Amino acid sequence: MYNNVPDNIIMAKITRRKSRENAVIILYQCDLLDKDVEDIIDIDILFGRAHDDFTKILVRGVYSNKDKIDKKIMDVVQNWSFDRIAIIDRNIIRIAVFEMLFLNEIPLKVSVDEAIEISKILGQKNDTPKFVNGVLGKILMQMQESS
C-alpha cells in the first residue's frame, strides 16, 4: 500500500486541472451528503477511485480552513446568503480561494483562471463562469491591494 491506497488501485498521472475538478466533486459530495471529507475519500478508495496528492491537499485544505475561506467569499458577495450560492459554484470558488490564501507557489491569477475554466465544465454553462469570475476577481483585487 502507498498512502493508504490498496495495491490493486493504479494511480494514473493526472493534470492539476483534473485534480482540481476531482476536488470540486469531493467537496460537492461532502456538502450534499453532509459527510466528512475523509469519509468520501475512503468510500472512493473502496470503489477503486484513488486520488492524487494534489487533490487531497486541496480537499483537506479547504475542509480544514472552510470558515476562513467562506468568510473571505462572503465579504465580497453582497446581498447573498451562503446557501443561495450553488453547491458546485461555492466549491469551485473555495478551492481557488484556498490556493490564493495558502498555496503561495501558485500564482493568484492561475488559481482564478483555473477556477473559471473548471466552472465552464462543472457549472451551469452561462451563469457559473461569470459568477466565479466576479467573486474571484473581487477577492484578487482585495489581495493585491493589501500586499
Protein backbone atom coordinates (compact mmCIF):
# COMPACT_ATOMS: atom_id res chain seq x y z
CA MET A 1 0.00 0.00 0.00
CA TYR A 2 1.09 3.55 -0.78
CA ASN A 3 -0.54 6.46 1.07
CA ASN A 4 -3.34 4.19 2.35
CA VAL A 5 -4.21 3.15 -1.20
CA PRO A 6 -4.57 -0.61 -1.74
CA ASP A 7 -2.06 -2.20 -4.11
CA ASN A 8 -4.74 -3.09 -6.67
CA ILE A 9 -5.52 0.57 -7.37
CA ILE A 10 -3.27 2.10 -10.01
CA MET A 11 -2.67 5.83 -9.77
CA ALA A 12 -2.60 7.48 -13.17
CA LYS A 13 -0.68 10.72 -13.64
CA ILE A 14 -3.22 13.50 -13.99
CA THR A 15 -3.08 17.23 -14.59
CA ARG A 16 -3.57 19.79 -11.86
CA ARG A 17 -6.79 20.87 -13.57
CA LYS A 18 -8.13 17.33 -13.30
CA SER A 19 -7.04 17.28 -9.64
CA ARG A 20 -8.98 20.49 -9.08
CA GLU A 21 -12.05 19.04 -10.82
CA ASN A 22 -11.82 15.94 -8.62
CA ALA A 23 -11.51 18.13 -5.53
CA VAL A 24 -14.63 20.09 -6.51
CA ILE A 25 -16.54 16.82 -6.88
CA ILE A 26 -15.38 15.52 -3.50
CA LEU A 27 -16.29 18.78 -1.76
CA TYR A 28 -19.64 18.79 -3.57
CA GLN A 29 -20.32 15.31 -2.20
CA CYS A 30 -19.34 16.43 1.32
CA ASP A 31 -21.79 19.32 1.18
CA LEU A 32 -24.58 17.38 -0.49
CA LEU A 33 -24.33 14.29 1.73
CA ASP A 34 -23.21 16.14 4.88
CA LYS A 35 -20.19 13.83 5.14
CA ASP A 36 -16.65 14.35 6.34
CA VAL A 37 -14.05 14.68 3.60
CA GLU A 38 -12.14 11.61 4.83
CA ASP A 39 -15.32 9.53 4.60
CA ILE A 40 -15.75 10.50 0.94
CA ILE A 41 -12.10 9.74 0.16
CA ASP A 42 -12.40 6.34 1.91
CA ILE A 43 -15.58 5.49 0.01
CA ASP A 44 -13.87 6.40 -3.26
CA ILE A 45 -10.96 4.09 -2.41
CA LEU A 46 -13.42 1.25 -1.67
CA PHE A 47 -14.82 1.72 -5.17
CA GLY A 48 -11.36 1.76 -6.74
CA ARG A 49 -11.07 5.55 -7.18
CA ALA A 50 -7.89 6.73 -5.54
CA HIS A 51 -6.96 10.41 -5.57
CA ASP A 52 -3.61 12.02 -6.27
CA ASP A 53 -1.77 14.05 -3.64
CA PHE A 54 -2.74 17.45 -5.08
CA THR A 55 -6.45 16.57 -4.97
CA LYS A 56 -6.09 15.55 -1.32
CA ILE A 57 -4.15 18.72 -0.46
CA LEU A 58 -6.94 20.82 -1.96
CA VAL A 59 -9.79 18.91 -0.36
CA ARG A 60 -8.25 18.66 3.08
CA GLY A 61 -7.03 22.25 2.93
CA VAL A 62 -10.45 23.62 2.00
CA TYR A 63 -12.16 21.44 4.56
CA SER A 64 -9.86 22.44 7.44
CA ASN A 65 -9.94 26.16 6.52
CA LYS A 66 -13.57 26.35 5.45
CA ASP A 67 -14.58 29.05 7.93
CA LYS A 68 -11.81 31.43 6.88
CA ILE A 69 -12.40 30.70 3.17
CA ASP A 70 -16.17 31.13 3.44
CA LYS A 71 -15.75 34.41 5.31
CA LYS A 72 -13.48 35.70 2.53
CA ILE A 73 -16.15 34.75 -0.03
CA MET A 74 -18.99 36.29 1.97
CA ASP A 75 -17.02 39.54 2.31
CA VAL A 76 -17.32 40.09 -1.45
CA VAL A 77 -20.70 38.51 -2.18
CA GLN A 78 -23.13 41.23 -1.28
CA ASN A 79 -26.81 40.61 -0.65
CA TRP A 80 -26.39 36.83 -0.90
CA SER A 81 -26.70 34.23 1.80
CA PHE A 82 -24.12 31.47 1.50
CA ASP A 83 -26.88 28.90 0.98
CA ARG A 84 -28.03 30.74 -2.17
CA ILE A 85 -24.71 30.02 -3.88
CA ALA A 86 -24.98 26.77 -5.83
CA ILE A 87 -23.02 23.97 -4.15
CA ILE A 88 -20.82 23.38 -7.20
CA ASP A 89 -20.12 27.12 -7.59
CA ARG A 90 -19.20 27.60 -3.95
CA ASN A 91 -16.78 24.67 -4.03
CA ILE A 92 -15.08 25.87 -7.22
CA ILE A 93 -14.61 29.23 -5.50
CA ARG A 94 -13.50 27.64 -2.23
CA ILE A 95 -10.69 25.75 -3.96
CA ALA A 96 -9.45 28.87 -5.72
CA VAL A 97 -9.58 30.91 -2.51
CA PHE A 98 -7.72 28.16 -0.65
CA GLU A 99 -4.99 28.23 -3.29
CA MET A 100 -4.85 32.03 -3.16
CA LEU A 101 -4.56 32.14 0.64
CA PHE A 102 -2.45 29.10 1.40
CA LEU A 103 -0.58 27.82 -1.67
CA ASN A 104 1.90 30.61 -2.33
CA GLU A 105 3.71 28.69 -5.07
CA ILE A 106 0.63 29.03 -7.31
CA PRO A 107 0.24 32.49 -8.86
CA LEU A 108 -3.04 34.14 -7.85
CA LYS A 109 -4.10 34.63 -11.47
CA VAL A 110 -3.57 30.92 -12.19
CA SER A 111 -5.96 29.99 -9.36
CA VAL A 112 -8.58 32.37 -10.74
CA ASP A 113 -8.15 31.23 -14.36
CA GLU A 114 -8.31 27.55 -13.41
CA ALA A 115 -11.49 28.11 -11.40
CA ILE A 116 -13.13 29.87 -14.34
CA GLU A 117 -12.17 27.05 -16.72
CA ILE A 118 -13.45 24.40 -14.30
CA SER A 119 -16.69 26.35 -13.86
CA LYS A 120 -17.25 26.04 -17.62
CA ILE A 121 -17.02 22.25 -17.29
CA LEU A 122 -18.80 21.57 -14.00
CA GLY A 123 -21.12 24.54 -13.56
CA GLN A 124 -24.05 26.00 -15.42
CA LYS A 125 -22.61 26.99 -18.77
CA ASN A 126 -23.67 30.65 -18.82
CA ASP A 127 -24.03 31.66 -15.19
CA THR A 128 -21.31 29.87 -13.25
CA PRO A 129 -18.23 31.20 -15.10
CA LYS A 130 -19.49 34.79 -14.79
CA PHE A 131 -20.30 34.37 -11.10
CA VAL A 132 -16.97 32.66 -10.31
CA ASN A 133 -15.07 35.33 -12.26
CA GLY A 134 -16.88 38.14 -10.44
CA VAL A 135 -16.32 36.74 -6.95
CA LEU A 136 -12.70 35.75 -7.50
CA GLY A 137 -11.94 39.00 -9.32
CA LYS A 138 -13.04 40.96 -6.24
CA ILE A 139 -11.03 38.74 -3.92
CA LEU A 140 -8.00 39.04 -6.20
CA MET A 141 -8.26 42.84 -6.17
CA GLN A 142 -8.52 42.86 -2.37
CA MET A 143 -5.47 40.66 -2.03
CA GLN A 144 -3.42 42.73 -4.48
CA GLU A 145 -4.38 45.96 -2.72
CA SER A 146 -3.41 44.60 0.70
CA SER A 147 0.00 43.30 -0.40
